[in-house]
Amino acid sequence: MKWFRIGDYRVSVMESALPHDFDSEPFRPCYDQVLELREEGLVAIHDEHPEFQKADWEYYGEHQAHCCCIRVSNENEKVRCETGLIVPYGTELEKCVGLAGDNLFLMVGDFICLFAPDTARVIKQVPLRSGLMYAVYPYQQDFICHGELVILRITKELKVLWRYSDGDGFVGFEMRNDRIHLFDWEGNSYEIDYDGRIL
């Protein structure tokens, strides 16, 4: 679990499908709302299917997807809202989240998003068109995003400042004081500075 303090809220991001409706059979998770990643981005499917509103739903494994959870609590740890996210299988949301002012910065599949905890809604999302993405790292006022084929620097307003792509997939990634060190599948190494220039 990864958590952030945003204003009066504690916002937790979990890979596990919590909480659960213990009265339903079989044992399945339930949420206040469910967002599913589609071609157009994160879509609220509980609006399309009212049975998803505070109701149980089945694991999406056969669709190569799994569930993550964003839980918004008040200062007394009382849960305000829990949002289930149906995301591509293998997405590690805890590695793909950062703090963007009063919002959460999310990198989900091929989209970057801003999630507002006060309304529990996605307020902005932008397609990356960059393939498989691994992790988000805060850097100064921005984020460095590590993908299989691309490295990006993105602002908290979701503007892509630069993108770097080279090599045969970046399996190694290390942020240093003045540079980013990369390795590809072939064992080749690359270095770029924080402005995206090759060193």
N, C-alpha and C. Protein backbone atom coordinates (compact mmCIF):
# COMPACT_ATOMS: atom_id res chain seq x y z
N MET A 1 0.85 -1.18 0.00
CA MET A 1 0.00 0.00 0.00
C MET A 1 0.88 1.24 0.00
N LYS A 2 0.43 2.27 -0.71
CA LYS A 2 1.10 3.57 -0.71
C LYS A 2 0.06 4.60 -0.32
N TRP A 3 0.43 5.56 0.54
CA TRP A 3 -0.58 6.54 0.94
C TRP A 3 -0.01 7.94 0.94
N PHE A 4 -0.93 8.92 0.83
CA PHE A 4 -0.60 10.33 0.76
C PHE A 4 -1.54 11.11 1.67
N ARG A 5 -1.03 12.19 2.25
CA ARG A 5 -1.87 13.13 3.00
C ARG A 5 -2.17 14.28 2.05
N ILE A 6 -3.45 14.47 1.73
CA ILE A 6 -3.87 15.54 0.83
C ILE A 6 -4.95 16.34 1.55
N GLY A 7 -4.62 17.54 2.00
CA GLY A 7 -5.57 18.35 2.74
C GLY A 7 -6.02 17.62 3.99
N ASP A 8 -7.33 17.44 4.13
CA ASP A 8 -7.90 16.73 5.27
C ASP A 8 -8.03 15.24 5.04
N TYR A 9 -7.50 14.75 3.91
CA TYR A 9 -7.73 13.36 3.56
C TYR A 9 -6.44 12.53 3.62
N ARG A 10 -6.63 11.26 3.96
CA ARG A 10 -5.58 10.26 3.79
C ARG A 10 -6.01 9.43 2.58
N VAL A 11 -5.16 9.39 1.56
CA VAL A 11 -5.50 8.69 0.32
C VAL A 11 -4.56 7.49 0.18
N SER A 12 -5.14 6.30 0.14
CA SER A 12 -4.36 5.07 0.04
C SER A 12 -4.56 4.44 -1.32
N VAL A 13 -3.48 3.91 -1.88
CA VAL A 13 -3.53 3.19 -3.16
C VAL A 13 -3.08 1.76 -2.87
N MET A 14 -3.93 0.80 -3.21
CA MET A 14 -3.66 -0.61 -2.89
C MET A 14 -3.83 -1.48 -4.11
N GLU A 15 -3.00 -2.49 -4.20
CA GLU A 15 -3.12 -3.48 -5.27
C GLU A 15 -4.21 -4.49 -4.95
N SER A 16 -4.47 -4.71 -3.67
CA SER A 16 -5.45 -5.73 -3.29
C SER A 16 -6.87 -5.23 -3.54
N ALA A 17 -7.76 -6.17 -3.74
CA ALA A 17 -9.15 -5.84 -4.01
C ALA A 17 -9.91 -5.70 -2.69
N LEU A 18 -9.73 -4.60 -2.02
CA LEU A 18 -10.39 -4.35 -0.73
C LEU A 18 -11.28 -3.13 -0.87
N PRO A 19 -12.34 -2.97 -0.08
CA PRO A 19 -12.83 -3.91 0.94
C PRO A 19 -13.64 -5.02 0.29
N HIS A 20 -14.17 -5.92 1.07
CA HIS A 20 -14.94 -7.03 0.54
C HIS A 20 -16.35 -7.04 1.13
N ASP A 21 -17.25 -7.56 0.37
CA ASP A 21 -18.62 -7.78 0.84
C ASP A 21 -18.67 -9.21 1.37
N PHE A 22 -18.54 -9.35 2.69
CA PHE A 22 -18.45 -10.67 3.29
C PHE A 22 -19.78 -11.43 3.23
N ASP A 23 -20.89 -10.76 2.95
CA ASP A 23 -22.19 -11.42 2.92
C ASP A 23 -22.51 -12.04 1.57
N SER A 24 -21.74 -11.66 0.56
CA SER A 24 -22.05 -12.19 -0.77
C SER A 24 -21.28 -13.49 -1.00
N GLU A 25 -21.83 -14.32 -1.84
CA GLU A 25 -21.17 -15.57 -2.23
C GLU A 25 -21.05 -15.57 -3.74
N PRO A 26 -19.90 -15.88 -4.31
CA PRO A 26 -18.64 -16.10 -3.61
C PRO A 26 -18.03 -14.80 -3.11
N PHE A 27 -16.90 -14.93 -2.45
CA PHE A 27 -16.20 -13.81 -1.82
C PHE A 27 -15.66 -12.86 -2.89
N ARG A 28 -16.23 -11.64 -2.99
CA ARG A 28 -15.84 -10.69 -4.03
C ARG A 28 -15.76 -9.27 -3.47
N PRO A 29 -14.98 -8.39 -4.11
CA PRO A 29 -14.84 -7.03 -3.60
C PRO A 29 -16.03 -6.14 -3.97
N CYS A 30 -16.24 -5.09 -3.20
CA CYS A 30 -17.25 -4.09 -3.56
C CYS A 30 -16.68 -2.70 -3.34
N TYR A 31 -17.14 -1.72 -4.12
CA TYR A 31 -16.64 -0.35 -4.06
C TYR A 31 -17.80 0.62 -4.22
N ASP A 32 -17.53 1.89 -3.88
CA ASP A 32 -18.51 2.94 -4.12
C ASP A 32 -18.64 3.22 -5.60
N GLN A 33 -17.53 3.09 -6.32
CA GLN A 33 -17.54 3.30 -7.76
C GLN A 33 -16.45 2.44 -8.38
N VAL A 34 -16.60 2.16 -9.66
CA VAL A 34 -15.62 1.35 -10.39
C VAL A 34 -15.25 2.08 -11.68
N LEU A 35 -13.95 2.25 -11.92
CA LEU A 35 -13.44 2.85 -13.14
C LEU A 35 -12.70 1.77 -13.93
N GLU A 36 -12.98 1.70 -15.22
CA GLU A 36 -12.32 0.71 -16.07
C GLU A 36 -11.51 1.43 -17.13
N LEU A 37 -10.27 0.97 -17.38
CA LEU A 37 -9.45 1.56 -18.42
C LEU A 37 -9.88 1.02 -19.77
N ARG A 38 -10.29 1.94 -20.65
CA ARG A 38 -10.70 1.58 -22.01
C ARG A 38 -9.86 2.40 -23.00
N GLU A 39 -10.19 2.29 -24.28
CA GLU A 39 -9.45 3.03 -25.31
C GLU A 39 -9.49 4.53 -25.07
N GLU A 40 -10.61 5.02 -24.53
CA GLU A 40 -10.76 6.46 -24.30
C GLU A 40 -10.28 6.91 -22.93
N GLY A 41 -9.75 5.98 -22.13
CA GLY A 41 -9.26 6.33 -20.79
C GLY A 41 -10.07 5.65 -19.71
N LEU A 42 -9.96 6.15 -18.48
CA LEU A 42 -10.71 5.59 -17.36
C LEU A 42 -12.17 6.01 -17.46
N VAL A 43 -13.07 5.02 -17.46
CA VAL A 43 -14.50 5.25 -17.62
C VAL A 43 -15.22 4.70 -16.39
N ALA A 44 -16.17 5.46 -15.87
CA ALA A 44 -16.96 5.04 -14.71
C ALA A 44 -18.01 4.03 -15.17
N ILE A 45 -17.75 2.75 -14.92
CA ILE A 45 -18.70 1.73 -15.40
C ILE A 45 -19.85 1.54 -14.43
N HIS A 46 -19.75 2.06 -13.20
CA HIS A 46 -20.90 1.95 -12.30
C HIS A 46 -22.04 2.85 -12.78
N ASP A 47 -21.73 3.86 -13.60
CA ASP A 47 -22.79 4.68 -14.18
C ASP A 47 -23.51 3.92 -15.30
N GLU A 48 -22.76 3.13 -16.06
CA GLU A 48 -23.35 2.34 -17.13
C GLU A 48 -24.10 1.14 -16.58
N HIS A 49 -23.57 0.60 -15.49
CA HIS A 49 -24.14 -0.61 -14.89
C HIS A 49 -24.41 -0.35 -13.41
N PRO A 50 -25.60 0.08 -13.06
CA PRO A 50 -25.92 0.43 -11.67
C PRO A 50 -25.63 -0.68 -10.68
N GLU A 51 -25.59 -1.94 -11.15
CA GLU A 51 -25.32 -3.03 -10.22
C GLU A 51 -23.91 -2.95 -9.65
N PHE A 52 -23.01 -2.17 -10.28
CA PHE A 52 -21.67 -2.00 -9.76
C PHE A 52 -21.64 -1.00 -8.60
N GLN A 53 -22.67 -0.19 -8.45
CA GLN A 53 -22.73 0.79 -7.38
C GLN A 53 -22.95 0.07 -6.06
N LYS A 54 -21.94 0.08 -5.18
CA LYS A 54 -22.00 -0.59 -3.88
C LYS A 54 -22.44 -2.04 -4.03
N ALA A 55 -21.98 -2.70 -5.08
CA ALA A 55 -22.35 -4.09 -5.30
C ALA A 55 -21.11 -4.90 -5.61
N ASP A 56 -21.22 -6.20 -5.54
CA ASP A 56 -20.05 -7.04 -5.80
C ASP A 56 -19.90 -7.26 -7.30
N TRP A 57 -18.68 -7.63 -7.70
CA TRP A 57 -18.42 -7.89 -9.10
C TRP A 57 -17.27 -8.88 -9.20
N GLU A 58 -17.22 -9.57 -10.31
CA GLU A 58 -16.29 -10.68 -10.45
C GLU A 58 -14.91 -10.21 -10.89
N TYR A 59 -13.94 -11.03 -10.56
CA TYR A 59 -12.56 -10.77 -10.97
C TYR A 59 -12.46 -10.80 -12.49
N TYR A 60 -11.69 -9.88 -13.05
CA TYR A 60 -11.63 -9.72 -14.49
C TYR A 60 -10.44 -10.44 -15.12
N GLY A 61 -9.94 -11.48 -14.48
CA GLY A 61 -8.74 -12.17 -14.96
C GLY A 61 -8.84 -12.65 -16.39
N GLU A 62 -10.04 -13.10 -16.80
CA GLU A 62 -10.17 -13.62 -18.16
C GLU A 62 -10.03 -12.51 -19.20
N HIS A 63 -10.11 -11.26 -18.78
CA HIS A 63 -9.94 -10.13 -19.69
C HIS A 63 -8.55 -9.52 -19.56
N GLN A 64 -7.62 -10.26 -18.96
CA GLN A 64 -6.25 -9.79 -18.76
C GLN A 64 -6.23 -8.45 -18.02
N ALA A 65 -7.01 -8.38 -16.96
CA ALA A 65 -7.06 -7.17 -16.14
C ALA A 65 -7.15 -7.56 -14.68
N HIS A 66 -6.84 -6.63 -13.81
CA HIS A 66 -7.02 -6.87 -12.38
C HIS A 66 -7.46 -5.58 -11.72
N CYS A 67 -7.70 -5.64 -10.44
CA CYS A 67 -8.27 -4.50 -9.74
C CYS A 67 -7.30 -3.88 -8.75
N CYS A 68 -7.33 -2.58 -8.66
CA CYS A 68 -6.62 -1.81 -7.64
C CYS A 68 -7.67 -0.96 -6.92
N CYS A 69 -7.28 -0.34 -5.84
CA CYS A 69 -8.24 0.43 -5.06
C CYS A 69 -7.62 1.75 -4.62
N ILE A 70 -8.40 2.83 -4.72
CA ILE A 70 -8.03 4.11 -4.13
C ILE A 70 -9.03 4.37 -3.01
N ARG A 71 -8.54 4.46 -1.79
CA ARG A 71 -9.39 4.68 -0.62
C ARG A 71 -9.15 6.09 -0.09
N VAL A 72 -10.21 6.86 0.07
CA VAL A 72 -10.13 8.22 0.62
C VAL A 72 -10.75 8.19 2.01
N SER A 73 -9.97 8.55 3.03
CA SER A 73 -10.44 8.55 4.42
C SER A 73 -10.31 9.96 4.99
N ASN A 74 -11.08 10.24 6.04
CA ASN A 74 -10.92 11.52 6.73
C ASN A 74 -9.84 11.39 7.80
N GLU A 75 -9.62 12.44 8.59
CA GLU A 75 -8.54 12.43 9.58
C GLU A 75 -8.75 11.37 10.66
N ASN A 76 -9.99 10.96 10.90
CA ASN A 76 -10.27 9.92 11.89
C ASN A 76 -10.18 8.52 11.29
N GLU A 77 -9.65 8.43 10.07
CA GLU A 77 -9.51 7.17 9.35
C GLU A 77 -10.86 6.56 8.93
N LYS A 78 -11.93 7.36 8.99
CA LYS A 78 -13.22 6.88 8.53
C LYS A 78 -13.25 6.97 7.00
N VAL A 79 -13.58 5.86 6.36
CA VAL A 79 -13.55 5.80 4.89
C VAL A 79 -14.67 6.66 4.32
N ARG A 80 -14.28 7.57 3.41
CA ARG A 80 -15.23 8.42 2.71
C ARG A 80 -15.70 7.77 1.42
N CYS A 81 -14.75 7.21 0.68
CA CYS A 81 -15.07 6.62 -0.62
C CYS A 81 -13.97 5.64 -1.02
N GLU A 82 -14.38 4.56 -1.65
CA GLU A 82 -13.42 3.61 -2.20
C GLU A 82 -13.71 3.41 -3.67
N THR A 83 -12.69 3.62 -4.49
CA THR A 83 -12.81 3.52 -5.93
C THR A 83 -12.03 2.31 -6.41
N GLY A 84 -12.71 1.39 -7.08
CA GLY A 84 -12.02 0.26 -7.70
C GLY A 84 -11.60 0.63 -9.10
N LEU A 85 -10.37 0.27 -9.48
CA LEU A 85 -9.89 0.53 -10.83
C LEU A 85 -9.60 -0.80 -11.51
N ILE A 86 -10.24 -1.03 -12.64
CA ILE A 86 -9.95 -2.21 -13.45
C ILE A 86 -8.90 -1.79 -14.47
N VAL A 87 -7.70 -2.33 -14.32
CA VAL A 87 -6.54 -1.87 -15.08
C VAL A 87 -5.89 -3.07 -15.78
N PRO A 88 -5.00 -2.83 -16.76
CA PRO A 88 -4.36 -3.95 -17.45
C PRO A 88 -3.60 -4.84 -16.48
N TYR A 89 -3.65 -6.14 -16.73
CA TYR A 89 -2.93 -7.09 -15.90
C TYR A 89 -1.45 -6.74 -15.87
N GLY A 90 -0.86 -6.77 -14.70
CA GLY A 90 0.56 -6.43 -14.55
C GLY A 90 0.80 -4.99 -14.14
N THR A 91 -0.23 -4.14 -14.18
CA THR A 91 -0.08 -2.76 -13.73
C THR A 91 0.16 -2.74 -12.22
N GLU A 92 1.25 -2.13 -11.80
CA GLU A 92 1.53 -1.98 -10.37
C GLU A 92 1.23 -0.53 -10.01
N LEU A 93 -0.03 -0.27 -9.67
CA LEU A 93 -0.48 1.10 -9.46
C LEU A 93 0.31 1.80 -8.36
N GLU A 94 0.78 1.06 -7.36
CA GLU A 94 1.55 1.67 -6.27
C GLU A 94 2.85 2.28 -6.79
N LYS A 95 3.37 1.77 -7.92
CA LYS A 95 4.59 2.32 -8.53
C LYS A 95 4.27 3.42 -9.53
N CYS A 96 2.99 3.55 -9.86
CA CYS A 96 2.58 4.48 -10.93
C CYS A 96 1.72 5.61 -10.40
N VAL A 97 1.99 6.07 -9.18
CA VAL A 97 1.19 7.12 -8.56
C VAL A 97 2.13 8.13 -7.90
N GLY A 98 1.72 9.39 -7.92
CA GLY A 98 2.49 10.45 -7.27
C GLY A 98 1.54 11.54 -6.80
N LEU A 99 2.08 12.48 -6.06
CA LEU A 99 1.30 13.59 -5.52
C LEU A 99 1.44 14.79 -6.44
N ALA A 100 0.30 15.33 -6.91
CA ALA A 100 0.28 16.49 -7.80
C ALA A 100 -0.58 17.57 -7.16
N GLY A 101 -0.02 18.32 -6.23
CA GLY A 101 -0.78 19.34 -5.52
C GLY A 101 -1.84 18.69 -4.65
N ASP A 102 -3.12 19.01 -4.90
CA ASP A 102 -4.23 18.43 -4.15
C ASP A 102 -4.82 17.21 -4.84
N ASN A 103 -4.11 16.68 -5.83
CA ASN A 103 -4.60 15.53 -6.60
C ASN A 103 -3.58 14.41 -6.62
N LEU A 104 -4.01 13.24 -7.06
CA LEU A 104 -3.10 12.13 -7.33
C LEU A 104 -2.78 12.12 -8.81
N PHE A 105 -1.51 11.94 -9.12
CA PHE A 105 -1.05 11.72 -10.48
C PHE A 105 -1.02 10.21 -10.68
N LEU A 106 -1.75 9.71 -11.67
CA LEU A 106 -1.80 8.27 -11.95
C LEU A 106 -1.32 8.01 -13.37
N MET A 107 -0.50 6.99 -13.52
CA MET A 107 -0.12 6.51 -14.85
C MET A 107 -0.73 5.12 -14.96
N VAL A 108 -1.78 5.00 -15.77
CA VAL A 108 -2.54 3.75 -15.86
C VAL A 108 -2.56 3.32 -17.31
N GLY A 109 -1.95 2.17 -17.59
CA GLY A 109 -1.88 1.72 -18.97
C GLY A 109 -1.14 2.75 -19.79
N ASP A 110 -1.79 3.25 -20.82
CA ASP A 110 -1.18 4.24 -21.71
C ASP A 110 -1.76 5.64 -21.47
N PHE A 111 -2.24 5.90 -20.25
CA PHE A 111 -2.82 7.20 -19.92
C PHE A 111 -2.17 7.76 -18.65
N ILE A 112 -2.09 9.09 -18.58
CA ILE A 112 -1.76 9.78 -17.34
C ILE A 112 -3.03 10.51 -16.91
N CYS A 113 -3.28 10.52 -15.61
CA CYS A 113 -4.54 11.04 -15.09
C CYS A 113 -4.32 11.84 -13.82
N LEU A 114 -5.27 12.74 -13.53
CA LEU A 114 -5.33 13.42 -12.24
C LEU A 114 -6.61 12.96 -11.56
N PHE A 115 -6.47 12.45 -10.34
CA PHE A 115 -7.60 11.97 -9.54
C PHE A 115 -7.76 12.91 -8.35
N ALA A 116 -8.95 13.50 -8.20
CA ALA A 116 -9.23 14.45 -7.11
C ALA A 116 -9.84 13.71 -5.93
N PRO A 117 -9.16 13.63 -4.78
CA PRO A 117 -9.71 12.88 -3.65
C PRO A 117 -10.95 13.52 -3.04
N ASP A 118 -11.10 14.85 -3.15
CA ASP A 118 -12.27 15.49 -2.53
C ASP A 118 -13.57 15.10 -3.24
N THR A 119 -13.50 14.83 -4.54
CA THR A 119 -14.69 14.40 -5.28
C THR A 119 -14.60 12.93 -5.70
N ALA A 120 -13.43 12.31 -5.49
CA ALA A 120 -13.18 10.93 -5.91
C ALA A 120 -13.47 10.75 -7.40
N ARG A 121 -12.98 11.69 -8.20
CA ARG A 121 -13.20 11.66 -9.65
C ARG A 121 -11.89 11.90 -10.39
N VAL A 122 -11.81 11.33 -11.60
CA VAL A 122 -10.72 11.65 -12.52
C VAL A 122 -11.08 12.98 -13.17
N ILE A 123 -10.26 14.01 -12.93
CA ILE A 123 -10.59 15.34 -13.43
C ILE A 123 -9.89 15.67 -14.75
N LYS A 124 -8.85 14.89 -15.08
CA LYS A 124 -8.16 15.12 -16.34
C LYS A 124 -7.41 13.85 -16.70
N GLN A 125 -7.39 13.51 -17.99
CA GLN A 125 -6.57 12.39 -18.44
C GLN A 125 -6.09 12.65 -19.86
N VAL A 126 -4.87 12.19 -20.12
CA VAL A 126 -4.20 12.45 -21.40
C VAL A 126 -3.58 11.13 -21.88
N PRO A 127 -3.79 10.74 -23.14
CA PRO A 127 -3.13 9.53 -23.65
C PRO A 127 -1.64 9.76 -23.84
N LEU A 128 -0.84 8.74 -23.50
CA LEU A 128 0.61 8.83 -23.68
C LEU A 128 1.06 8.27 -25.03
N ARG A 129 0.40 7.20 -25.48
CA ARG A 129 0.80 6.49 -26.70
C ARG A 129 2.28 6.11 -26.63
N SER A 130 2.66 5.51 -25.51
CA SER A 130 4.07 5.20 -25.27
C SER A 130 4.32 3.74 -24.94
N GLY A 131 3.31 2.89 -25.05
CA GLY A 131 3.51 1.48 -24.76
C GLY A 131 3.50 1.19 -23.26
N LEU A 132 4.07 0.06 -22.88
CA LEU A 132 4.07 -0.40 -21.50
C LEU A 132 4.86 0.55 -20.60
N MET A 133 4.24 0.98 -19.51
CA MET A 133 4.88 1.90 -18.57
C MET A 133 5.06 1.20 -17.23
N TYR A 134 6.21 1.45 -16.56
CA TYR A 134 6.56 0.74 -15.34
C TYR A 134 6.36 1.53 -14.06
N ALA A 135 6.86 2.77 -14.02
CA ALA A 135 6.89 3.48 -12.74
C ALA A 135 6.98 4.98 -12.93
N VAL A 136 6.56 5.71 -11.87
CA VAL A 136 6.59 7.17 -11.81
C VAL A 136 7.51 7.58 -10.67
N TYR A 137 8.38 8.57 -10.92
CA TYR A 137 9.28 9.08 -9.89
C TYR A 137 9.15 10.60 -9.81
N PRO A 138 8.93 11.15 -8.63
CA PRO A 138 8.89 12.61 -8.53
C PRO A 138 10.27 13.19 -8.78
N TYR A 139 10.32 14.30 -9.49
CA TYR A 139 11.58 15.02 -9.71
C TYR A 139 11.27 16.51 -9.75
N GLN A 140 11.82 17.26 -8.81
CA GLN A 140 11.51 18.68 -8.64
C GLN A 140 10.00 18.85 -8.60
N GLN A 141 9.42 19.64 -9.49
CA GLN A 141 7.97 19.84 -9.51
C GLN A 141 7.27 18.92 -10.50
N ASP A 142 8.02 18.01 -11.13
CA ASP A 142 7.49 17.18 -12.20
C ASP A 142 7.59 15.69 -11.84
N PHE A 143 7.36 14.85 -12.86
CA PHE A 143 7.50 13.40 -12.71
C PHE A 143 8.35 12.87 -13.85
N ILE A 144 9.21 11.91 -13.53
CA ILE A 144 9.92 11.14 -14.55
C ILE A 144 9.19 9.81 -14.64
N CYS A 145 8.77 9.44 -15.85
CA CYS A 145 8.01 8.22 -16.06
C CYS A 145 8.86 7.22 -16.84
N HIS A 146 9.01 6.03 -16.28
CA HIS A 146 9.84 4.99 -16.87
C HIS A 146 8.95 3.96 -17.56
N GLY A 147 9.17 3.82 -18.86
CA GLY A 147 8.45 2.82 -19.63
C GLY A 147 9.40 1.83 -20.26
N GLU A 148 8.85 0.81 -20.87
CA GLU A 148 9.69 -0.20 -21.52
C GLU A 148 10.47 0.41 -22.68
N LEU A 149 9.83 1.28 -23.45
CA LEU A 149 10.47 1.83 -24.64
C LEU A 149 10.72 3.33 -24.58
N VAL A 150 10.28 3.99 -23.50
CA VAL A 150 10.36 5.45 -23.46
C VAL A 150 10.55 5.93 -22.02
N ILE A 151 11.26 7.05 -21.89
CA ILE A 151 11.37 7.79 -20.63
C ILE A 151 10.76 9.16 -20.89
N LEU A 152 9.89 9.62 -19.97
CA LEU A 152 9.22 10.91 -20.16
C LEU A 152 9.39 11.78 -18.92
N ARG A 153 9.37 13.08 -19.15
CA ARG A 153 9.24 14.04 -18.05
C ARG A 153 7.90 14.74 -18.24
N ILE A 154 7.06 14.68 -17.19
CA ILE A 154 5.68 15.16 -17.28
C ILE A 154 5.40 16.09 -16.11
N THR A 155 4.73 17.20 -16.38
CA THR A 155 4.38 18.14 -15.32
C THR A 155 3.17 17.63 -14.53
N LYS A 156 2.91 18.28 -13.40
CA LYS A 156 1.74 17.93 -12.58
C LYS A 156 0.44 18.32 -13.26
N GLU A 157 0.53 19.11 -14.34
CA GLU A 157 -0.66 19.47 -15.13
C GLU A 157 -0.82 18.54 -16.32
N LEU A 158 -0.01 17.48 -16.39
CA LEU A 158 -0.06 16.45 -17.43
C LEU A 158 0.49 16.90 -18.78
N LYS A 159 1.40 17.84 -18.75
CA LYS A 159 2.07 18.25 -19.99
C LYS A 159 3.38 17.47 -20.12
N VAL A 160 3.57 16.81 -21.27
CA VAL A 160 4.82 16.08 -21.53
C VAL A 160 5.88 17.09 -21.95
N LEU A 161 6.94 17.22 -21.13
CA LEU A 161 8.02 18.16 -21.43
C LEU A 161 9.01 17.60 -22.44
N TRP A 162 9.32 16.32 -22.30
CA TRP A 162 10.17 15.63 -23.27
C TRP A 162 9.98 14.13 -23.14
N ARG A 163 10.38 13.44 -24.22
CA ARG A 163 10.38 11.98 -24.22
C ARG A 163 11.67 11.50 -24.86
N TYR A 164 12.21 10.44 -24.30
CA TYR A 164 13.44 9.85 -24.83
C TYR A 164 13.17 8.38 -25.13
N SER A 165 13.52 7.96 -26.33
CA SER A 165 13.33 6.58 -26.73
C SER A 165 14.53 6.14 -27.56
N ASP A 166 15.13 5.04 -27.15
CA ASP A 166 16.27 4.49 -27.87
C ASP A 166 16.52 3.09 -27.32
N GLY A 167 17.29 2.32 -28.01
CA GLY A 167 17.66 1.01 -27.49
C GLY A 167 16.58 -0.03 -27.69
N ASP A 168 16.76 -1.14 -27.02
CA ASP A 168 15.90 -2.30 -27.19
C ASP A 168 15.12 -2.57 -25.91
N GLY A 169 14.44 -1.58 -25.40
CA GLY A 169 13.66 -1.73 -24.17
C GLY A 169 14.49 -1.42 -22.94
N PHE A 170 14.00 -0.52 -22.10
CA PHE A 170 14.75 -0.08 -20.92
C PHE A 170 14.40 -0.96 -19.72
N VAL A 171 15.25 -1.96 -19.46
CA VAL A 171 15.02 -2.83 -18.31
C VAL A 171 15.69 -2.31 -17.06
N GLY A 172 16.71 -1.48 -17.23
CA GLY A 172 17.40 -0.88 -16.09
C GLY A 172 17.18 0.62 -16.08
N PHE A 173 16.92 1.16 -14.88
CA PHE A 173 16.61 2.59 -14.76
C PHE A 173 17.12 3.06 -13.40
N GLU A 174 17.95 4.11 -13.43
CA GLU A 174 18.47 4.66 -12.17
C GLU A 174 18.56 6.17 -12.27
N MET A 175 17.93 6.85 -11.32
CA MET A 175 18.02 8.32 -11.27
C MET A 175 19.20 8.71 -10.40
N ARG A 176 20.11 9.49 -10.97
CA ARG A 176 21.27 9.98 -10.24
C ARG A 176 21.14 11.49 -10.07
N ASN A 177 22.12 12.10 -9.42
CA ASN A 177 22.04 13.54 -9.13
C ASN A 177 21.80 14.39 -10.37
N ASP A 178 22.57 14.14 -11.43
CA ASP A 178 22.50 15.01 -12.60
C ASP A 178 22.12 14.28 -13.88
N ARG A 179 21.72 13.00 -13.75
CA ARG A 179 21.43 12.22 -14.95
C ARG A 179 20.58 11.01 -14.64
N ILE A 180 20.03 10.44 -15.71
CA ILE A 180 19.29 9.18 -15.62
C ILE A 180 20.10 8.14 -16.37
N HIS A 181 20.38 7.04 -15.71
CA HIS A 181 21.18 5.95 -16.29
C HIS A 181 20.24 4.82 -16.68
N LEU A 182 20.37 4.34 -17.93
CA LEU A 182 19.47 3.34 -18.50
C LEU A 182 20.24 2.16 -19.07
N PHE A 183 19.63 0.97 -18.99
CA PHE A 183 20.16 -0.23 -19.65
C PHE A 183 19.06 -0.86 -20.47
N ASP A 184 19.43 -1.39 -21.66
CA ASP A 184 18.43 -2.09 -22.45
C ASP A 184 18.63 -3.60 -22.35
N TRP A 185 17.77 -4.37 -23.05
CA TRP A 185 17.82 -5.84 -23.00
C TRP A 185 19.15 -6.38 -23.52
N GLU A 186 19.81 -5.64 -24.39
CA GLU A 186 21.07 -6.09 -24.97
C GLU A 186 22.27 -5.76 -24.09
N GLY A 187 22.04 -5.10 -22.97
CA GLY A 187 23.15 -4.74 -22.08
C GLY A 187 23.77 -3.40 -22.40
N ASN A 188 23.24 -2.69 -23.39
CA ASN A 188 23.75 -1.36 -23.73
C ASN A 188 23.30 -0.37 -22.66
N SER A 189 24.14 0.62 -22.37
CA SER A 189 23.77 1.64 -21.39
C SER A 189 23.64 2.99 -22.07
N TYR A 190 22.76 3.82 -21.49
CA TYR A 190 22.48 5.16 -22.01
C TYR A 190 22.40 6.10 -20.83
N GLU A 191 22.74 7.36 -21.07
CA GLU A 191 22.58 8.38 -20.04
C GLU A 191 21.95 9.62 -20.66
N ILE A 192 20.96 10.17 -19.94
CA ILE A 192 20.34 11.42 -20.36
C ILE A 192 20.28 12.34 -19.16
N ASP A 193 20.24 13.63 -19.42
CA ASP A 193 20.10 14.56 -18.30
C ASP A 193 18.60 14.79 -18.04
N TYR A 194 18.29 15.63 -17.07
CA TYR A 194 16.89 15.83 -16.69
C TYR A 194 16.14 16.77 -17.63
N ASP A 195 16.83 17.20 -18.71
CA ASP A 195 16.16 17.92 -19.78
C ASP A 195 15.98 17.03 -21.00
N GLY A 196 16.29 15.74 -20.85
CA GLY A 196 16.09 14.79 -21.94
C GLY A 196 17.20 14.74 -22.96
N ARG A 197 18.35 15.39 -22.66
CA ARG A 197 19.46 15.40 -23.63
C ARG A 197 20.39 14.22 -23.39
N ILE A 198 20.87 13.64 -24.46
CA ILE A 198 21.82 12.51 -24.39
C ILE A 198 23.16 13.02 -23.90
N LEU A 199 23.76 12.30 -22.96
CA LEU A 199 25.09 12.67 -22.43
C LEU A 199 26.16 11.78 -23.04
